C-alpha atoms as a PDB file:
ATOM      1  CA  MET A   1       0.000   0.000   0.000  1.00  0.00           C
ATOM      2  CA  ASN A   2       1.441   3.349  -1.050  1.00  0.00           C
ATOM      3  CA  PRO A   3       1.795   6.285   1.390  1.00  0.00           C
ATOM      4  CA  GLY A   4      -1.467   8.175   1.573  1.00  0.00           C
ATOM      5  CA  ASP A   5      -3.584   5.276   0.275  1.00  0.00           C
ATOM      6  CA  LEU A   6      -4.742   4.331   3.762  1.00  0.00           C
ATOM      7  CA  LEU A   7      -6.104   7.825   4.347  1.00  0.00           C
ATOM      8  CA  LEU A   8      -8.007   7.667   1.028  1.00  0.00           C
ATOM      9  CA  HIS A   9      -9.519   4.330   2.057  1.00  0.00           C
ATOM     10  CA  LEU A  10     -10.494   5.850   5.392  1.00  0.00           C
ATOM     11  CA  GLU A  11     -12.262   8.773   3.693  1.00  0.00           C
ATOM     12  CA  ALA A  12     -14.213   6.318   1.524  1.00  0.00           C
ATOM     13  CA  TYR A  13     -15.116   4.235   4.606  1.00  0.00           C
ATOM     14  CA  LEU A  14     -16.314   7.293   6.549  1.00  0.00           C
ATOM     15  CA  ALA A  15     -18.402   8.432   3.572  1.00  0.00           C
ATOM     16  CA  LEU A  16     -20.003   4.974   3.337  1.00  0.00           C
ATOM     17  CA  VAL A  17     -20.827   4.840   7.042  1.00  0.00           C
ATOM     18  CA  ASN A  18     -22.342   8.324   6.898  1.00  0.00           C
ATOM     19  CA  ALA A  19     -24.364   7.421   3.801  1.00  0.00           C
ATOM     20  CA  LEU A  20     -25.814   4.420   5.649  1.00  0.00           C
ATOM     21  CA  GLY A  21     -27.110   6.788   8.339  1.00  0.00           C
ATOM     22  CA  PHE A  22     -24.744   5.893  11.164  1.00  0.00           C
ATOM     23  CA  SER A  23     -23.376   8.581  13.442  1.00  0.00           C
ATOM     24  CA  LEU A  24     -19.573   8.508  13.667  1.00  0.00           C
ATOM     25  CA  ARG A  25     -18.977  11.044  16.440  1.00  0.00           C
ATOM     26  CA  ALA A  26     -15.773  10.074  18.280  1.00  0.00           C
ATOM     27  CA  ARG A  27     -15.104   7.127  15.963  1.00  0.00           C
ATOM     28  CA  GLU A  28     -13.970   9.387  13.138  1.00  0.00           C
ATOM     29  CA  ARG A  29     -11.389  11.075  15.352  1.00  0.00           C
ATOM     30  CA  LEU A  30     -10.143   7.711  16.618  1.00  0.00           C
ATOM     31  CA  LEU A  31      -9.901   6.246  13.128  1.00  0.00           C
ATOM     32  CA  ARG A  32      -7.905   9.213  11.893  1.00  0.00           C
ATOM     33  CA  ASN A  33      -5.619   8.739  14.865  1.00  0.00           C
ATOM     34  CA  PHE A  34      -5.306   5.043  13.981  1.00  0.00           C
ATOM     35  CA  VAL A  35      -4.362   5.838  10.375  1.00  0.00           C
ATOM     36  CA  ALA A  36      -1.719   8.327  11.544  1.00  0.00           C
ATOM     37  CA  PHE A  37      -0.365   5.720  13.981  1.00  0.00           C
ATOM     38  CA  VAL A  38      -0.117   3.095  11.225  1.00  0.00           C
ATOM     39  CA  GLU A  39       1.619   5.466   8.814  1.00  0.00           C
ATOM     40  CA  VAL A  40       4.253   6.351  11.428  1.00  0.00           C
ATOM     41  CA  ASN A  41       4.839   2.898  12.925  1.00  0.00           C
ATOM     42  CA  ASN A  42       4.181   0.463  10.093  1.00  0.00           C
ATOM     43  CA  THR A  43       7.141  -0.283   7.814  1.00  0.00           C
ATOM     44  CA  SER A  44       5.974  -3.545   6.230  1.00  0.00           C
ATOM     45  CA  GLY A  45       3.520  -2.038   3.759  1.00  0.00           C
ATOM     46  CA  THR A  46       0.658  -4.162   5.093  1.00  0.00           C
ATOM     47  CA  ILE A  47      -1.356  -3.826   8.284  1.00  0.00           C
ATOM     48  CA  SER A  48      -0.942  -6.576  10.858  1.00  0.00           C
ATOM     49  CA  SER A  49      -3.095  -7.486  13.826  1.00  0.00           C
ATOM     50  CA  GLN A  50      -0.187  -6.528  16.067  1.00  0.00           C
ATOM     51  CA  ILE A  51      -0.115  -2.906  14.956  1.00  0.00           C
ATOM     52  CA  ALA A  52      -3.875  -2.601  15.520  1.00  0.00           C
ATOM     53  CA  LEU A  53      -3.378  -4.074  18.987  1.00  0.00           C
ATOM     54  CA  ASP A  54      -0.474  -1.712  19.679  1.00  0.00           C
ATOM     55  CA  TRP A  55      -2.635   1.265  18.714  1.00  0.00           C
ATOM     56  CA  ALA A  56      -5.541   0.099  20.880  1.00  0.00           C
ATOM     57  CA  CYS A  57      -3.218  -0.137  23.884  1.00  0.00           C
ATOM     58  CA  SER A  58      -1.335   3.106  23.214  1.00  0.00           C
ATOM     59  CA  VAL A  59      -3.470   5.124  25.627  1.00  0.00           C
ATOM     60  CA  SER A  60      -3.129   6.061  29.253  1.00  0.00           C
ATOM     61  CA  ALA A  61      -4.175   3.693  32.019  1.00  0.00           C
ATOM     62  CA  ARG A  62      -7.189   5.931  32.676  1.00  0.00           C
ATOM     63  CA  CYS A  63      -8.759   4.589  29.490  1.00  0.00           C
ATOM     64  CA  GLY A  64      -9.120   1.241  31.228  1.00  0.00           C
ATOM     65  CA  VAL A  65      -9.698  -2.268  29.899  1.00  0.00           C
ATOM     66  CA  SER A  66     -13.054  -1.430  28.330  1.00  0.00           C
ATOM     67  CA  GLY A  67     -11.625   1.646  26.591  1.00  0.00           C
ATOM     68  CA  ARG A  68      -8.812  -0.333  24.982  1.00  0.00           C
ATOM     69  CA  ALA A  69     -11.247  -3.046  23.890  1.00  0.00           C
ATOM     70  CA  ALA A  70     -13.519  -0.400  22.358  1.00  0.00           C
ATOM     71  CA  ARG A  71     -10.589   1.105  20.431  1.00  0.00           C
ATOM     72  CA  LEU A  72      -9.660  -2.315  19.053  1.00  0.00           C
ATOM     73  CA  SER A  73     -13.287  -2.900  18.009  1.00  0.00           C
ATOM     74  CA  ILE A  74     -13.333   0.390  16.075  1.00  0.00           C
ATOM     75  CA  ALA A  75     -10.105  -0.499  14.282  1.00  0.00           C
ATOM     76  CA  ARG A  76     -11.365  -4.036  13.539  1.00  0.00           C
ATOM     77  CA  ARG A  77     -14.480  -2.780  11.730  1.00  0.00           C
ATOM     78  CA  PHE A  78     -12.392  -0.506   9.518  1.00  0.00           C
ATOM     79  CA  LEU A  79      -9.826  -3.238   8.787  1.00  0.00           C
ATOM     80  CA  PHE A  80     -12.583  -5.737   7.989  1.00  0.00           C
ATOM     81  CA  HIS A  81     -13.936  -3.259   5.411  1.00  0.00           C
ATOM     82  CA  LEU A  82     -10.439  -2.623   4.093  1.00  0.00           C
ATOM     83  CA  SER A  83      -9.593  -6.337   3.767  1.00  0.00           C
ATOM     84  CA  ALA A  84     -12.247  -6.729   1.068  1.00  0.00           C
ATOM     85  CA  MET A  85     -10.260  -4.418  -1.219  1.00  0.00           C
ATOM     86  CA  VAL A  86      -6.638  -4.578  -0.101  1.00  0.00           C
ATOM     87  CA  PRO A  87      -4.783  -7.907   0.062  1.00  0.00           C
ATOM     88  CA  GLY A  88      -2.686  -8.748   3.104  1.00  0.00           C
ATOM     89  CA  ILE A  89      -4.795  -6.870   5.667  1.00  0.00           C
ATOM     90  CA  GLU A  90      -5.053  -8.737   8.949  1.00  0.00           C
ATOM     91  CA  VAL A  91      -8.210  -8.319  11.008  1.00  0.00           C
ATOM     92  CA  PRO A  92      -7.388  -8.826  14.705  1.00  0.00           C
ATOM     93  CA  SER A  93      -9.518 -11.195  16.723  1.00  0.00           C
ATOM     94  CA  ALA A  94     -12.130  -9.587  18.934  1.00  0.00           C
ATOM     95  CA  SER A  95     -10.876 -11.753  21.815  1.00  0.00           C
ATOM     96  CA  LEU A  96      -7.389 -10.227  21.884  1.00  0.00           C
ATOM     97  CA  LEU A  97      -8.525  -7.818  24.595  1.00  0.00           C
ATOM     98  CA  ALA A  98     -10.988  -8.974  27.212  1.00  0.00           C
ATOM     99  CA  ARG A  99     -13.941  -6.782  28.086  1.00  0.00           C
ATOM    100  CA  PRO A 100     -14.866  -6.359  31.755  1.00  0.00           C
ATOM    101  CA  GLN A 101     -17.858  -8.380  32.861  1.00  0.00           C
ATOM    102  CA  ARG A 102     -21.000  -6.415  33.662  1.00  0.00           C
ATOM    103  CA  SER A 103     -22.696  -7.008  36.977  1.00  0.00           C
ATOM    104  CA  LYS A 104     -25.658  -9.358  37.004  1.00  0.00           C
ATOM    105  CA  PRO A 105     -28.854  -7.468  36.106  1.00  0.00           C
ATOM    106  CA  PHE A 106     -31.422  -6.891  38.809  1.00  0.00           C
ATOM    107  CA  LEU A 107     -35.135  -6.370  38.262  1.00  0.00           C
ATOM    108  CA  PHE A 108     -37.243  -4.521  40.810  1.00  0.00           C
ATOM    109  CA  SER A 109     -40.524  -6.135  41.739  1.00  0.00           C
ATOM    110  CA  THR A 110     -43.869  -4.379  41.423  1.00  0.00           C
ATOM    111  CA  GLU A 111     -44.012  -3.557  45.121  1.00  0.00           C
ATOM    112  CA  GLU A 112     -40.433  -2.306  45.216  1.00  0.00           C
ATOM    113  CA  ILE A 113     -40.911   0.104  42.317  1.00  0.00           C
ATOM    114  CA  SER A 114     -44.139   1.388  43.828  1.00  0.00           C
ATOM    115  CA  ARG A 115     -42.294   2.117  47.084  1.00  0.00           C
ATOM    116  CA  LEU A 116     -39.471   3.848  45.223  1.00  0.00           C
ATOM    117  CA  LEU A 117     -41.850   6.135  43.356  1.00  0.00           C
ATOM    118  CA  ASN A 118     -43.718   6.978  46.543  1.00  0.00           C
ATOM    119  CA  ALA A 119     -40.409   7.722  48.256  1.00  0.00           C
ATOM    120  CA  ALA A 120     -39.494  10.054  45.384  1.00  0.00           C
ATOM    121  CA  LEU A 121     -42.329  12.336  46.479  1.00  0.00           C
ATOM    122  CA  SER A 122     -40.391  13.133  49.661  1.00  0.00           C
ATOM    123  CA  ILE A 123     -37.233  14.328  47.858  1.00  0.00           C
ATOM    124  CA  GLY A 124     -36.832  18.079  47.456  1.00  0.00           C
ATOM    125  CA  ALA A 125     -38.795  21.069  48.697  1.00  0.00           C
ATOM    126  CA  GLN A 126     -42.408  20.021  49.136  1.00  0.00           C
ATOM    127  CA  ALA A 127     -43.709  23.396  47.971  1.00  0.00           C
ATOM    128  CA  SER A 128     -41.856  23.024  44.668  1.00  0.00           C
ATOM    129  CA  LEU A 129     -42.399  20.866  41.601  1.00  0.00           C
ATOM    130  CA  GLN A 130     -39.257  18.804  42.239  1.00  0.00           C
ATOM    131  CA  PRO A 131     -40.765  15.836  44.172  1.00  0.00           C
ATOM    132  CA  ARG A 132     -43.548  15.381  41.616  1.00  0.00           C
ATOM    133  CA  THR A 133     -41.046  15.768  38.770  1.00  0.00           C
ATOM    134  CA  LEU A 134     -38.853  12.914  39.969  1.00  0.00           C
ATOM    135  CA  SER A 135     -41.752  10.589  40.763  1.00  0.00           C
ATOM    136  CA  THR A 136     -43.574  11.272  37.485  1.00  0.00           C
ATOM    137  CA  LEU A 137     -40.402  11.045  35.413  1.00  0.00           C
ATOM    138  CA  LEU A 138     -39.385   7.688  36.893  1.00  0.00           C
ATOM    139  CA  GLY A 139     -42.963   6.435  36.573  1.00  0.00           C
ATOM    140  CA  LEU A 140     -42.991   7.372  32.892  1.00  0.00           C
ATOM    141  CA  LEU A 141     -39.704   5.583  32.295  1.00  0.00           C
ATOM    142  CA  VAL A 142     -41.042   2.481  34.011  1.00  0.00           C
ATOM    143  CA  SER A 143     -44.278   2.382  32.050  1.00  0.00           C
ATOM    144  CA  SER A 144     -43.081   3.445  28.593  1.00  0.00           C
ATOM    145  CA  GLY A 145     -39.590   2.009  28.135  1.00  0.00           C
ATOM    146  CA  LEU A 146     -38.198   5.355  26.971  1.00  0.00           C
ATOM    147  CA  ARG A 147     -34.502   5.999  27.269  1.00  0.00           C
ATOM    148  CA  ALA A 148     -33.742   8.414  30.094  1.00  0.00           C
ATOM    149  CA  ASN A 149     -32.547  11.204  27.790  1.00  0.00           C
ATOM    150  CA  GLU A 150     -35.584  10.751  25.549  1.00  0.00           C
ATOM    151  CA  ALA A 151     -37.841  11.539  28.501  1.00  0.00           C
ATOM    152  CA  LEU A 152     -35.637  14.434  29.610  1.00  0.00           C
ATOM    153  CA  ASN A 153     -35.751  15.932  26.093  1.00  0.00           C
ATOM    154  CA  LEU A 154     -39.553  15.943  25.920  1.00  0.00           C
ATOM    155  CA  GLU A 155     -41.032  19.377  25.322  1.00  0.00           C
ATOM    156  CA  VAL A 156     -44.597  20.367  26.147  1.00  0.00           C
ATOM    157  CA  SER A 157     -45.566  20.117  22.462  1.00  0.00           C
ATOM    158  CA  ASP A 158     -44.264  16.522  22.355  1.00  0.00           C
ATOM    159  CA  VAL A 159     -46.680  15.294  25.033  1.00  0.00           C
ATOM    160  CA  LEU A 160     -49.847  14.584  23.034  1.00  0.00           C
ATOM    161  CA  LEU A 161     -52.317  13.669  25.754  1.00  0.00           C
ATOM    162  CA  ASP A 162     -55.484  14.556  23.795  1.00  0.00           C
ATOM    163  CA  LEU A 163     -54.919  11.934  21.105  1.00  0.00           C
ATOM    164  CA  ASP A 164     -56.510   8.496  21.191  1.00  0.00           C
ATOM    165  CA  PRO A 165     -54.456   6.768  22.402  1.00  0.00           C
ATOM    166  CA  PRO A 166     -52.279   9.400  24.102  1.00  0.00           C
ATOM    167  CA  GLN A 167     -48.807   9.579  22.576  1.00  0.00           C
ATOM    168  CA  LEU A 168     -45.341  11.003  23.084  1.00  0.00           C
ATOM    169  CA  GLU A 169     -43.374  12.328  20.130  1.00  0.00           C
ATOM    170  CA  ILE A 170     -39.728  11.357  20.506  1.00  0.00           C
ATOM    171  CA  ARG A 171     -37.617  13.559  18.236  1.00  0.00           C
ATOM    172  CA  LYS A 172     -34.277  12.753  16.610  1.00  0.00           C
ATOM    173  CA  THR A 173     -33.052  10.147  19.050  1.00  0.00           C
ATOM    174  CA  LYS A 174     -30.878   7.102  18.240  1.00  0.00           C
ATOM    175  CA  PHE A 175     -29.648   7.205  14.616  1.00  0.00           C
ATOM    176  CA  ASN A 176     -31.278  10.650  14.390  1.00  0.00           C
ATOM    177  CA  LYS A 177     -34.739   9.099  13.990  1.00  0.00           C
ATOM    178  CA  SER A 178     -38.086  10.195  15.458  1.00  0.00           C
ATOM    179  CA  ARG A 179     -41.034   8.077  16.551  1.00  0.00           C
ATOM    180  CA  LEU A 180     -44.413   8.187  18.287  1.00  0.00           C
ATOM    181  CA  VAL A 181     -44.795   6.229  21.528  1.00  0.00           C
ATOM    182  CA  PRO A 182     -48.363   5.386  22.641  1.00  0.00           C
ATOM    183  CA  ILE A 183     -48.939   5.391  26.391  1.00  0.00           C
ATOM    184  CA  HIS A 184     -51.649   3.907  28.575  1.00  0.00           C
ATOM    185  CA  GLU A 185     -54.505   6.225  29.538  1.00  0.00           C
ATOM    186  CA  THR A 186     -53.649   5.914  33.225  1.00  0.00           C
ATOM    187  CA  VAL A 187     -50.083   6.981  32.494  1.00  0.00           C
ATOM    188  CA  ALA A 188     -51.497   9.915  30.551  1.00  0.00           C
ATOM    189  CA  ASN A 189     -53.592  10.849  33.588  1.00  0.00           C
ATOM    190  CA  LYS A 190     -50.426  11.050  35.704  1.00  0.00           C
ATOM    191  CA  LEU A 191     -48.815  13.266  33.086  1.00  0.00           C
ATOM    192  CA  ARG A 192     -51.916  15.499  33.033  1.00  0.00           C
ATOM    193  CA  GLN A 193     -51.754  15.853  36.807  1.00  0.00           C
ATOM    194  CA  TYR A 194     -48.100  16.803  36.546  1.00  0.00           C
ATOM    195  CA  ALA A 195     -48.822  19.298  33.750  1.00  0.00           C
ATOM    196  CA  GLU A 196     -51.582  20.917  35.823  1.00  0.00           C
ATOM    197  CA  LEU A 197     -49.284  21.285  38.832  1.00  0.00           C
ATOM    198  CA  ARG A 198     -46.531  22.611  36.567  1.00  0.00           C
ATOM    199  CA  HIS A 199     -48.965  25.251  35.305  1.00  0.00           C
ATOM    200  CA  ARG A 200     -50.313  26.099  38.761  1.00  0.00           C
ATOM    201  CA  LEU A 201     -46.813  26.679  40.139  1.00  0.00           C
ATOM    202  CA  ASN A 202     -45.891  28.839  37.094  1.00  0.00           C
ATOM    203  CA  TYR A 203     -43.089  26.578  35.907  1.00  0.00           C
ATOM    204  CA  GLU A 204     -44.362  26.922  32.337  1.00  0.00           C
ATOM    205  CA  THR A 205     -42.847  30.414  32.260  1.00  0.00           C
ATOM    206  CA  LEU A 206     -39.384  28.939  32.882  1.00  0.00           C
ATOM    207  CA  SER A 207     -38.970  26.381  30.112  1.00  0.00           C
ATOM    208  CA  ASP A 208     -40.606  24.555  27.188  1.00  0.00           C
ATOM    209  CA  TYR A 209     -39.254  21.254  28.511  1.00  0.00           C
ATOM    210  CA  PHE A 210     -42.031  19.126  29.982  1.00  0.00           C
ATOM    211  CA  PHE A 211     -39.906  17.966  32.906  1.00  0.00           C
ATOM    212  CA  VAL A 212     -38.365  21.207  34.118  1.00  0.00           C
ATOM    213  CA  SER A 213     -35.538  21.628  36.619  1.00  0.00           C
ATOM    214  CA  GLU A 214     -35.693  23.947  39.594  1.00  0.00           C
ATOM    215  CA  GLN A 215     -33.270  26.224  37.724  1.00  0.00           C
ATOM    216  CA  GLY A 216     -35.773  26.553  34.895  1.00  0.00           C
ATOM    217  CA  GLY A 217     -34.213  24.415  32.179  1.00  0.00           C
ATOM    218  CA  ARG A 218     -33.797  20.856  30.987  1.00  0.00           C
ATOM    219  CA  ILE A 219     -33.012  18.310  33.673  1.00  0.00           C
ATOM    220  CA  ARG A 220     -29.535  16.909  33.079  1.00  0.00           C
ATOM    221  CA  TYR A 221     -29.028  13.164  32.993  1.00  0.00           C
ATOM    222  CA  LYS A 222     -26.379  13.503  35.704  1.00  0.00           C
ATOM    223  CA  ALA A 223     -28.939  15.195  37.965  1.00  0.00           C
ATOM    224  CA  LEU A 224     -31.447  12.392  37.356  1.00  0.00           C
ATOM    225  CA  TYR A 225     -28.768   9.813  38.079  1.00  0.00           C
ATOM    226  CA  SER A 226     -27.804  11.611  41.301  1.00  0.00           C
ATOM    227  CA  ALA A 227     -31.440  11.901  42.415  1.00  0.00           C
ATOM    228  CA  PHE A 228     -32.017   8.214  41.745  1.00  0.00           C
ATOM    229  CA  GLN A 229     -28.938   7.277  43.769  1.00  0.00           C
ATOM    230  CA  LYS A 230     -30.161   9.467  46.622  1.00  0.00           C
ATOM    231  CA  LEU A 231     -33.576   7.855  46.380  1.00  0.00           C
ATOM    232  CA  VAL A 232     -32.154   4.326  46.543  1.00  0.00           C
ATOM    233  CA  SER A 233     -29.832   5.245  49.428  1.00  0.00           C
ATOM    234  CA  SER A 234     -32.706   6.784  51.379  1.00  0.00           C
ATOM    235  CA  TRP A 235     -34.817   3.720  50.773  1.00  0.00           C
ATOM    236  CA  GLU A 236     -31.973   1.445  51.874  1.00  0.00           C
ATOM    237  CA  SER A 237     -31.747   3.144  55.239  1.00  0.00           C
ATOM    238  CA  ARG A 238     -35.343   2.109  55.905  1.00  0.00           C
ATOM    239  CA  HIS A 239     -35.303  -1.381  54.344  1.00  0.00           C
ATOM    240  CA  GLY A 240     -31.869  -2.874  54.877  1.00  0.00           C
ATOM    241  CA  LYS A 241     -28.122  -2.504  55.054  1.00  0.00           C
ATOM    242  CA  ALA A 242     -26.475  -1.160  51.914  1.00  0.00           C
ATOM    243  CA  VAL A 243     -24.240  -3.313  49.756  1.00  0.00           C
ATOM    244  CA  ALA A 244     -21.361  -1.513  48.087  1.00  0.00           C
ATOM    245  CA  ASP A 245     -20.952  -3.646  44.950  1.00  0.00           C
ATOM    246  CA  PRO A 246     -22.300  -2.154  41.687  1.00  0.00           C
ATOM    247  CA  VAL A 247     -25.546  -3.617  40.391  1.00  0.00           C
ATOM    248  CA  PHE A 248     -27.581  -3.149  37.256  1.00  0.00           C
ATOM    249  CA  ILE A 249     -31.081  -1.963  38.107  1.00  0.00           C
ATOM    250  CA  ARG A 250     -33.756  -2.578  35.505  1.00  0.00           C
ATOM    251  CA  PHE A 251     -37.372  -1.513  35.255  1.00  0.00           C
ATOM    252  CA  ASP A 252     -39.508  -4.077  33.442  1.00  0.00           C
ATOM    253  CA  THR A 253     -41.664  -2.205  30.934  1.00  0.00           C
ATOM    254  CA  ASP A 254     -43.945  -5.230  30.564  1.00  0.00           C
ATOM    255  CA  LEU A 255     -45.146  -4.568  34.116  1.00  0.00           C
ATOM    256  CA  LEU A 256     -47.113  -1.613  32.834  1.00  0.00           C
ATOM    257  CA  SER A 257     -49.354  -1.537  35.863  1.00  0.00           C
ATOM    258  CA  ILE A 258     -46.732  -1.271  38.594  1.00  0.00           C
ATOM    259  CA  VAL A 259     -47.871   2.206  39.539  1.00  0.00           C
ATOM    260  CA  TYR A 260     -50.730   3.323  37.354  1.00  0.00           C
ATOM    261  CA  VAL A 261     -52.795   0.275  36.355  1.00  0.00           C
ATOM    262  CA  ARG A 262     -53.027  -1.820  39.474  1.00  0.00           C
ATOM    263  CA  GLY A 263     -55.409  -4.754  39.308  1.00  0.00           C
ATOM    264  CA  THR A 264     -56.362  -4.376  35.658  1.00  0.00           C
ATOM    265  CA  SER A 265     -54.454  -7.410  34.415  1.00  0.00           C
ATOM    266  CA  LYS A 266     -53.164 -10.385  36.374  1.00  0.00           C
ATOM    267  CA  ALA A 267     -50.744 -11.138  33.553  1.00  0.00           C
ATOM    268  CA  LEU A 268     -49.233  -7.682  33.771  1.00  0.00           C
ATOM    269  CA  MET A 269     -49.046  -7.861  37.536  1.00  0.00           C
ATOM    270  CA  SER A 270     -47.279 -11.217  37.666  1.00  0.00           C
ATOM    271  CA  GLU A 271     -44.028 -11.409  39.589  1.00  0.00           C
ATOM    272  CA  ARG A 272     -41.345 -12.000  36.934  1.00  0.00           C
ATOM    273  CA  ILE A 273     -38.487 -10.794  39.081  1.00  0.00           C
ATOM    274  CA  CYS A 274     -35.902 -13.268  37.748  1.00  0.00           C
ATOM    275  CA  LEU A 275     -36.272 -12.293  34.091  1.00  0.00           C
ATOM    276  CA  SER A 276     -34.775  -9.432  32.146  1.00  0.00           C
ATOM    277  CA  PHE A 277     -36.154  -8.081  28.910  1.00  0.00           C
ATOM    278  CA  PRO A 278     -34.335  -6.148  26.161  1.00  0.00           C
ATOM    279  CA  SER A 279     -36.995  -3.428  26.151  1.00  0.00           C
ATOM    280  CA  THR A 280     -36.184  -2.143  29.626  1.00  0.00           C
ATOM    281  CA  LEU A 281     -34.801   1.067  31.030  1.00  0.00           C
ATOM    282  CA  ALA A 282     -31.464   0.461  32.691  1.00  0.00           C
ATOM    283  CA  ILE A 283     -30.021   2.712  35.388  1.00  0.00           C
ATOM    284  CA  TRP A 284     -26.733   2.075  37.165  1.00  0.00           C
ATOM    285  CA  SER A 285     -26.761   2.074  40.928  1.00  0.00           C
ATOM    286  CA  ARG A 286     -23.901   1.320  43.323  1.00  0.00           C
ATOM    287  CA  ARG A 287     -26.017   0.290  46.276  1.00  0.00           C
ATOM    288  CA  ILE A 288     -28.876  -2.071  46.905  1.00  0.00           C
ATOM    289  CA  PRO A 289     -30.613  -3.330  50.050  1.00  0.00           C
ATOM    290  CA  THR A 290     -29.424  -6.699  51.355  1.00  0.00           C
ATOM    291  CA  GLY A 291     -32.943  -8.121  51.223  1.00  0.00           C
ATOM    292  CA  ILE A 292     -33.076  -7.456  47.496  1.00  0.00           C
ATOM    293  CA  ARG A 293     -29.559  -8.818  47.038  1.00  0.00           C
ATOM    294  CA  ALA A 294     -30.557 -12.122  48.648  1.00  0.00           C
ATOM    295  CA  ARG A 295     -33.585 -12.440  46.368  1.00  0.00           C
ATOM    296  CA  ARG A 296     -31.476 -11.605  43.312  1.00  0.00           C
ATOM    297  CA  GLN A 297     -28.950 -14.339  44.169  1.00  0.00           C
ATOM    298  CA  SER A 298     -31.718 -16.915  44.541  1.00  0.00           C
ATOM    299  CA  CYS A 299     -32.968 -16.307  40.983  1.00  0.00           C
END
């Protein structure tokens, strides 16, 4: 391969990925860095698995095991594309760098989620919108399966509660696509109650975002994460000793009635606490009550 050819192949690869509708973001910067690394360090004229591995590991220790594995994965996809056109290209094995194991997923039961959402009403100044914001926001995530940032990005005009059925318009989310999400009428009633309180407390003058922060803007994901951690920690102090190991907390969106539709369907209310479903909202938490931990380990 002649000098400069690799960069031309990269430009063609980036154009193809963009044309297919995929967002490159940081990958483009990393791939350009990879090409520069190869051009400086490769003297054989071909690209070996070793040089891809060397590039993946040529970062500071702060990048961690998962960061190095992600870098190798990005290089592998480009080299796999390149190998179809350029002879002698080696595609490194995905198993060259181990990825860290995620913690075992945990699924809250119906009763546990109901208690969490009730406890959320005690967080923040009671004369403000904050307690109702957290409880309603978490309840919506539980019942709809939205990603956290999709719910946080909702504007008032996106919450279509007068339609039949009520719907949420999710704009330009993953892969820059939009969609309509139907919601149960009882979930819509909770959103109407929140909207009425939001209006009564004059929060509508602060922001067009449906879930508005106390500062008058969009609620940041970090703030939601922090509030959820505080909520879990507060609940732990009343229900059991905290465990310090990280756990994956999931809300089962199939249990649509956990807060809003109690008693309407025995199937929906069944206790499926040992299952996990792909269409669930996942939130990381570092603490969990020991009683829940014991039940999780028995599944």
